[in-house]
Amino acid sequence: MRLLAVVAALVLVGCTNSGTGPTPPKTVEQVDLQRYQGTWYEQARLPMFFQRNCAQSEAHYELQDDGSLSVTNRCRSVDGDLQQVQGQAMVQVPGATNKLWVRFDNWFSRLAPGLTKGEYWVLYLDDDYQSALVGNPNRKYLWMLTRDEQISAQSRAILLEEARQRGYDTSELIWRSTLTGLTP
């Protein structure tokens, strides 16, 4: 009987995540959303359709009374055009602030709200809330963020290593352009 229990346990362990693809990346335990709010500058990202023309991007988060974050993303193209989109970030699981749903206010999200929320997982966050690594569980999206417009060599090295440890391909990263700031 004991042997049967051991075999059953081994079979269950072997089936963990069976058929669901690779194990999702590790996230931080919790995010203090009060400290997280404010401006974050995108230093690098994996290619994605919605940011295909962005040379510089930044995100502004503001904590709301209901515990969600209002989101304003701004993008400046190489041609200097400025685009802005508003959205909202909400926790995926009550009490867990490391994994958020983000939805932006556009025609498609108004048409199909259930299909337009994206997973925003905080993968790494330094103790001072000055640099962060954000991605999604299938490793298709990744953003390296800092509070400063320019990234230090030390922060760059740390964020790259954290991304690699979580299984992200950093060879495809698109780095922030050296255009002037986004302030209109």
C-alpha atoms as a PDB file:
ATOM      1  CA  MET A   1       0.000   0.000   0.000  1.00  0.00           C
ATOM      2  CA  ARG A   2       2.856   2.378   0.839  1.00  0.00           C
ATOM      3  CA  LEU A   3       4.502   1.653  -2.536  1.00  0.00           C
ATOM      4  CA  LEU A   4       1.233   2.459  -4.308  1.00  0.00           C
ATOM      5  CA  ALA A   5       1.035   5.798  -2.491  1.00  0.00           C
ATOM      6  CA  VAL A   6       4.638   6.666  -3.495  1.00  0.00           C
ATOM      7  CA  VAL A   7       3.985   5.741  -7.132  1.00  0.00           C
ATOM      8  CA  ALA A   8       0.757   7.774  -7.148  1.00  0.00           C
ATOM      9  CA  ALA A   9       2.602  10.773  -5.701  1.00  0.00           C
ATOM     10  CA  LEU A  10       5.336  10.482  -8.338  1.00  0.00           C
ATOM     11  CA  VAL A  11       2.760  10.282 -11.110  1.00  0.00           C
ATOM     12  CA  LEU A  12       1.008  13.401  -9.795  1.00  0.00           C
ATOM     13  CA  VAL A  13       4.285  15.297  -9.576  1.00  0.00           C
ATOM     14  CA  GLY A  14       5.119  14.220 -13.126  1.00  0.00           C
ATOM     15  CA  CYS A  15       1.773  15.545 -14.327  1.00  0.00           C
ATOM     16  CA  THR A  16       2.179  18.948 -12.716  1.00  0.00           C
ATOM     17  CA  ASN A  17       1.628  21.511 -15.463  1.00  0.00           C
ATOM     18  CA  SER A  18       1.152  18.641 -17.916  1.00  0.00           C
ATOM     19  CA  GLY A  19      -0.371  19.941 -21.112  1.00  0.00           C
ATOM     20  CA  THR A  20      -0.386  23.572 -19.976  1.00  0.00           C
ATOM     21  CA  GLY A  21       2.972  24.540 -21.439  1.00  0.00           C
ATOM     22  CA  PRO A  22       6.012  25.857 -19.635  1.00  0.00           C
ATOM     23  CA  THR A  23       5.917  26.914 -16.021  1.00  0.00           C
ATOM     24  CA  PRO A  24       4.977  30.610 -15.709  1.00  0.00           C
ATOM     25  CA  PRO A  25       7.751  32.993 -14.651  1.00  0.00           C
ATOM     26  CA  LYS A  26       8.355  33.797 -11.006  1.00  0.00           C
ATOM     27  CA  THR A  27       6.899  37.084  -9.774  1.00  0.00           C
ATOM     28  CA  VAL A  28       7.603  39.227  -6.746  1.00  0.00           C
ATOM     29  CA  GLU A  29       5.570  38.290  -3.657  1.00  0.00           C
ATOM     30  CA  GLN A  30       3.661  41.582  -3.319  1.00  0.00           C
ATOM     31  CA  VAL A  31       3.735  45.111  -4.719  1.00  0.00           C
ATOM     32  CA  ASP A  32       3.034  48.133  -2.553  1.00  0.00           C
ATOM     33  CA  LEU A  33       0.787  49.918  -5.043  1.00  0.00           C
ATOM     34  CA  GLN A  34       1.140  53.181  -3.100  1.00  0.00           C
ATOM     35  CA  ARG A  35       4.907  53.090  -3.741  1.00  0.00           C
ATOM     36  CA  TYR A  36       4.504  51.718  -7.287  1.00  0.00           C
ATOM     37  CA  GLN A  37       2.355  54.627  -8.471  1.00  0.00           C
ATOM     38  CA  GLY A  38       4.024  57.465 -10.323  1.00  0.00           C
ATOM     39  CA  THR A  39       6.035  57.580 -13.532  1.00  0.00           C
ATOM     40  CA  TRP A  40       8.012  54.668 -14.969  1.00  0.00           C
ATOM     41  CA  TYR A  41      10.180  54.993 -18.087  1.00  0.00           C
ATOM     42  CA  GLU A  42      10.367  52.047 -20.436  1.00  0.00           C
ATOM     43  CA  GLN A  43      14.035  51.221 -21.025  1.00  0.00           C
ATOM     44  CA  ALA A  44      13.492  48.128 -23.153  1.00  0.00           C
ATOM     45  CA  ARG A  45      10.689  45.865 -24.328  1.00  0.00           C
ATOM     46  CA  LEU A  46      10.082  42.803 -26.391  1.00  0.00           C
ATOM     47  CA  PRO A  47       8.522  43.619 -29.778  1.00  0.00           C
ATOM     48  CA  MET A  48       4.763  44.007 -29.747  1.00  0.00           C
ATOM     49  CA  PHE A  49       2.200  45.255 -32.239  1.00  0.00           C
ATOM     50  CA  PHE A  50       0.760  48.057 -30.115  1.00  0.00           C
ATOM     51  CA  GLN A  51       4.156  49.684 -29.578  1.00  0.00           C
ATOM     52  CA  ARG A  52       5.581  49.055 -33.041  1.00  0.00           C
ATOM     53  CA  ASN A  53       6.191  52.771 -33.697  1.00  0.00           C
ATOM     54  CA  CYS A  54       7.340  53.812 -30.220  1.00  0.00           C
ATOM     55  CA  ALA A  55      10.856  55.122 -29.760  1.00  0.00           C
ATOM     56  CA  GLN A  56      10.225  56.192 -26.162  1.00  0.00           C
ATOM     57  CA  SER A  57       7.464  55.167 -23.807  1.00  0.00           C
ATOM     58  CA  GLU A  58       6.488  55.938 -20.268  1.00  0.00           C
ATOM     59  CA  ALA A  59       3.699  54.847 -17.974  1.00  0.00           C
ATOM     60  CA  HIS A  60       1.985  56.862 -15.251  1.00  0.00           C
ATOM     61  CA  TYR A  61       0.146  54.960 -12.516  1.00  0.00           C
ATOM     62  CA  GLU A  62      -2.169  56.515  -9.940  1.00  0.00           C
ATOM     63  CA  LEU A  63      -3.715  54.545  -7.088  1.00  0.00           C
ATOM     64  CA  GLN A  64      -7.512  54.860  -6.957  1.00  0.00           C
ATOM     65  CA  ASP A  65      -9.815  54.632  -3.927  1.00  0.00           C
ATOM     66  CA  ASP A  66     -11.016  51.178  -5.022  1.00  0.00           C
ATOM     67  CA  GLY A  67      -7.452  49.788  -5.032  1.00  0.00           C
ATOM     68  CA  SER A  68      -7.063  49.829  -8.804  1.00  0.00           C
ATOM     69  CA  LEU A  69      -4.506  51.909 -10.669  1.00  0.00           C
ATOM     70  CA  SER A  70      -5.344  54.390 -13.377  1.00  0.00           C
ATOM     71  CA  VAL A  71      -2.852  53.989 -16.204  1.00  0.00           C
ATOM     72  CA  THR A  72      -1.674  56.552 -18.731  1.00  0.00           C
ATOM     73  CA  ASN A  73       0.780  55.258 -21.314  1.00  0.00           C
ATOM     74  CA  ARG A  74       2.583  57.735 -23.537  1.00  0.00           C
ATOM     75  CA  CYS A  75       4.635  56.983 -26.623  1.00  0.00           C
ATOM     76  CA  ARG A  76       6.758  59.213 -28.799  1.00  0.00           C
ATOM     77  CA  SER A  77       7.532  57.934 -32.289  1.00  0.00           C
ATOM     78  CA  VAL A  78      10.851  58.463 -34.056  1.00  0.00           C
ATOM     79  CA  ASP A  79       9.057  61.196 -36.030  1.00  0.00           C
ATOM     80  CA  GLY A  80       8.199  62.969 -32.765  1.00  0.00           C
ATOM     81  CA  ASP A  81       4.476  62.204 -32.766  1.00  0.00           C
ATOM     82  CA  LEU A  82       3.057  61.752 -29.286  1.00  0.00           C
ATOM     83  CA  GLN A  83       0.359  59.165 -28.592  1.00  0.00           C
ATOM     84  CA  GLN A  84      -1.395  58.560 -25.296  1.00  0.00           C
ATOM     85  CA  VAL A  85      -3.796  55.911 -24.069  1.00  0.00           C
ATOM     86  CA  GLN A  86      -5.735  55.668 -20.794  1.00  0.00           C
ATOM     87  CA  GLY A  87      -6.438  52.475 -18.944  1.00  0.00           C
ATOM     88  CA  GLN A  88      -6.936  50.765 -15.624  1.00  0.00           C
ATOM     89  CA  ALA A  89      -5.032  48.046 -13.776  1.00  0.00           C
ATOM     90  CA  MET A  90      -6.837  45.758 -11.305  1.00  0.00           C
ATOM     91  CA  VAL A  91      -5.529  42.913  -9.169  1.00  0.00           C
ATOM     92  CA  GLN A  92      -6.169  39.461 -10.618  1.00  0.00           C
ATOM     93  CA  VAL A  93      -6.646  37.873  -7.206  1.00  0.00           C
ATOM     94  CA  PRO A  94      -7.937  39.922  -4.243  1.00  0.00           C
ATOM     95  CA  GLY A  95      -5.085  40.690  -1.857  1.00  0.00           C
ATOM     96  CA  ALA A  96      -2.352  39.716  -4.355  1.00  0.00           C
ATOM     97  CA  THR A  97      -0.835  42.799  -5.977  1.00  0.00           C
ATOM     98  CA  ASN A  98       1.907  41.122  -8.024  1.00  0.00           C
ATOM     99  CA  LYS A  99      -0.393  40.100 -10.898  1.00  0.00           C
ATOM    100  CA  LEU A 100      -2.686  42.666 -12.475  1.00  0.00           C
ATOM    101  CA  TRP A 101      -5.194  42.842 -15.289  1.00  0.00           C
ATOM    102  CA  VAL A 102      -4.735  45.912 -17.473  1.00  0.00           C
ATOM    103  CA  ARG A 103      -7.364  47.208 -19.868  1.00  0.00           C
ATOM    104  CA  PHE A 104      -7.022  50.291 -22.057  1.00  0.00           C
ATOM    105  CA  ASP A 105      -9.863  52.533 -23.131  1.00  0.00           C
ATOM    106  CA  ASN A 106     -10.187  52.198 -26.887  1.00  0.00           C
ATOM    107  CA  TRP A 107     -12.867  51.238 -29.395  1.00  0.00           C
ATOM    108  CA  PHE A 108     -12.003  47.539 -29.274  1.00  0.00           C
ATOM    109  CA  SER A 109     -12.084  47.311 -25.465  1.00  0.00           C
ATOM    110  CA  ARG A 110     -15.487  48.989 -25.448  1.00  0.00           C
ATOM    111  CA  LEU A 111     -16.691  46.495 -28.081  1.00  0.00           C
ATOM    112  CA  ALA A 112     -15.266  43.356 -26.424  1.00  0.00           C
ATOM    113  CA  PRO A 113     -14.260  44.191 -22.825  1.00  0.00           C
ATOM    114  CA  GLY A 114     -13.684  40.576 -21.794  1.00  0.00           C
ATOM    115  CA  LEU A 115     -11.151  40.018 -24.558  1.00  0.00           C
ATOM    116  CA  THR A 116      -9.043  43.111 -24.106  1.00  0.00           C
ATOM    117  CA  LYS A 117      -7.504  42.803 -20.684  1.00  0.00           C
ATOM    118  CA  GLY A 118      -3.839  41.932 -20.567  1.00  0.00           C
ATOM    119  CA  GLU A 119      -1.850  40.199 -17.871  1.00  0.00           C
ATOM    120  CA  TYR A 120       0.673  42.479 -16.172  1.00  0.00           C
ATOM    121  CA  TRP A 121       2.938  40.497 -13.863  1.00  0.00           C
ATOM    122  CA  VAL A 122       5.559  42.250 -11.761  1.00  0.00           C
ATOM    123  CA  LEU A 123       8.518  39.885 -12.089  1.00  0.00           C
ATOM    124  CA  TYR A 124      11.177  41.941 -10.330  1.00  0.00           C
ATOM    125  CA  LEU A 125      11.125  45.113  -8.275  1.00  0.00           C
ATOM    126  CA  ASP A 126      14.112  46.557  -6.460  1.00  0.00           C
ATOM    127  CA  ASP A 127      13.746  47.453  -2.785  1.00  0.00           C
ATOM    128  CA  ASP A 128      13.619  51.197  -3.500  1.00  0.00           C
ATOM    129  CA  TYR A 129      10.976  50.911  -6.265  1.00  0.00           C
ATOM    130  CA  GLN A 130      13.390  52.449  -8.780  1.00  0.00           C
ATOM    131  CA  SER A 131      13.562  49.595 -11.321  1.00  0.00           C
ATOM    132  CA  ALA A 132      11.079  46.919 -12.309  1.00  0.00           C
ATOM    133  CA  LEU A 133      10.672  44.049 -14.710  1.00  0.00           C
ATOM    134  CA  VAL A 134       7.141  43.394 -15.949  1.00  0.00           C
ATOM    135  CA  GLY A 135       5.923  40.658 -18.254  1.00  0.00           C
ATOM    136  CA  ASN A 136       3.177  38.181 -18.866  1.00  0.00           C
ATOM    137  CA  PRO A 137       2.996  34.460 -18.112  1.00  0.00           C
ATOM    138  CA  ASN A 138       3.574  33.239 -21.671  1.00  0.00           C
ATOM    139  CA  ARG A 139       6.769  35.332 -21.936  1.00  0.00           C
ATOM    140  CA  LYS A 140       5.522  37.078 -25.084  1.00  0.00           C
ATOM    141  CA  TYR A 141       5.693  40.542 -23.507  1.00  0.00           C
ATOM    142  CA  LEU A 142       8.389  42.078 -21.340  1.00  0.00           C
ATOM    143  CA  TRP A 143       9.138  45.605 -20.189  1.00  0.00           C
ATOM    144  CA  MET A 144      12.175  46.921 -18.309  1.00  0.00           C
ATOM    145  CA  LEU A 145      11.175  50.018 -16.358  1.00  0.00           C
ATOM    146  CA  THR A 146      13.008  52.615 -14.297  1.00  0.00           C
ATOM    147  CA  ARG A 147      12.058  55.817 -12.521  1.00  0.00           C
ATOM    148  CA  ASP A 148      14.844  57.677 -14.329  1.00  0.00           C
ATOM    149  CA  GLU A 149      14.726  58.404 -18.058  1.00  0.00           C
ATOM    150  CA  GLN A 150      18.207  56.936 -18.453  1.00  0.00           C
ATOM    151  CA  ILE A 151      19.159  53.496 -17.194  1.00  0.00           C
ATOM    152  CA  SER A 152      22.405  52.925 -15.337  1.00  0.00           C
ATOM    153  CA  ALA A 153      24.729  50.130 -16.412  1.00  0.00           C
ATOM    154  CA  GLN A 154      24.116  48.407 -13.071  1.00  0.00           C
ATOM    155  CA  SER A 155      20.303  48.512 -13.392  1.00  0.00           C
ATOM    156  CA  ARG A 156      20.531  47.328 -16.982  1.00  0.00           C
ATOM    157  CA  ALA A 157      22.659  44.336 -15.992  1.00  0.00           C
ATOM    158  CA  ILE A 158      20.350  43.430 -13.091  1.00  0.00           C
ATOM    159  CA  LEU A 159      17.167  43.659 -15.184  1.00  0.00           C
ATOM    160  CA  LEU A 160      18.700  41.625 -18.022  1.00  0.00           C
ATOM    161  CA  GLU A 161      19.787  38.902 -15.617  1.00  0.00           C
ATOM    162  CA  GLU A 162      16.391  38.830 -13.889  1.00  0.00           C
ATOM    163  CA  ALA A 163      14.671  38.505 -17.282  1.00  0.00           C
ATOM    164  CA  ARG A 164      16.969  35.659 -18.364  1.00  0.00           C
ATOM    165  CA  GLN A 165      16.457  33.828 -15.065  1.00  0.00           C
ATOM    166  CA  ARG A 166      12.710  33.910 -15.721  1.00  0.00           C
ATOM    167  CA  GLY A 167      13.095  32.446 -19.202  1.00  0.00           C
ATOM    168  CA  TYR A 168      12.710  35.557 -21.364  1.00  0.00           C
ATOM    169  CA  ASP A 169      14.672  35.890 -24.613  1.00  0.00           C
ATOM    170  CA  THR A 170      16.489  39.191 -24.168  1.00  0.00           C
ATOM    171  CA  SER A 171      18.164  39.086 -27.602  1.00  0.00           C
ATOM    172  CA  GLU A 172      15.017  40.619 -29.162  1.00  0.00           C
ATOM    173  CA  LEU A 173      14.749  43.598 -26.799  1.00  0.00           C
ATOM    174  CA  ILE A 174      14.066  47.006 -28.301  1.00  0.00           C
ATOM    175  CA  TRP A 175      15.907  49.665 -26.288  1.00  0.00           C
ATOM    176  CA  ARG A 176      14.738  53.207 -25.558  1.00  0.00           C
ATOM    177  CA  SER A 177      15.780  55.750 -28.160  1.00  0.00           C
ATOM    178  CA  THR A 178      17.797  58.813 -27.212  1.00  0.00           C
ATOM    179  CA  LEU A 179      15.122  61.269 -28.335  1.00  0.00           C
ATOM    180  CA  THR A 180      14.401  64.188 -26.019  1.00  0.00           C
ATOM    181  CA  GLY A 181      11.860  63.587 -23.222  1.00  0.00           C
ATOM    182  CA  LEU A 182       8.179  62.991 -23.737  1.00  0.00           C
ATOM    183  CA  THR A 183       6.989  66.178 -22.102  1.00  0.00           C
ATOM    184  CA  PRO A 184       4.885  67.991 -24.715  1.00  0.00           C
END
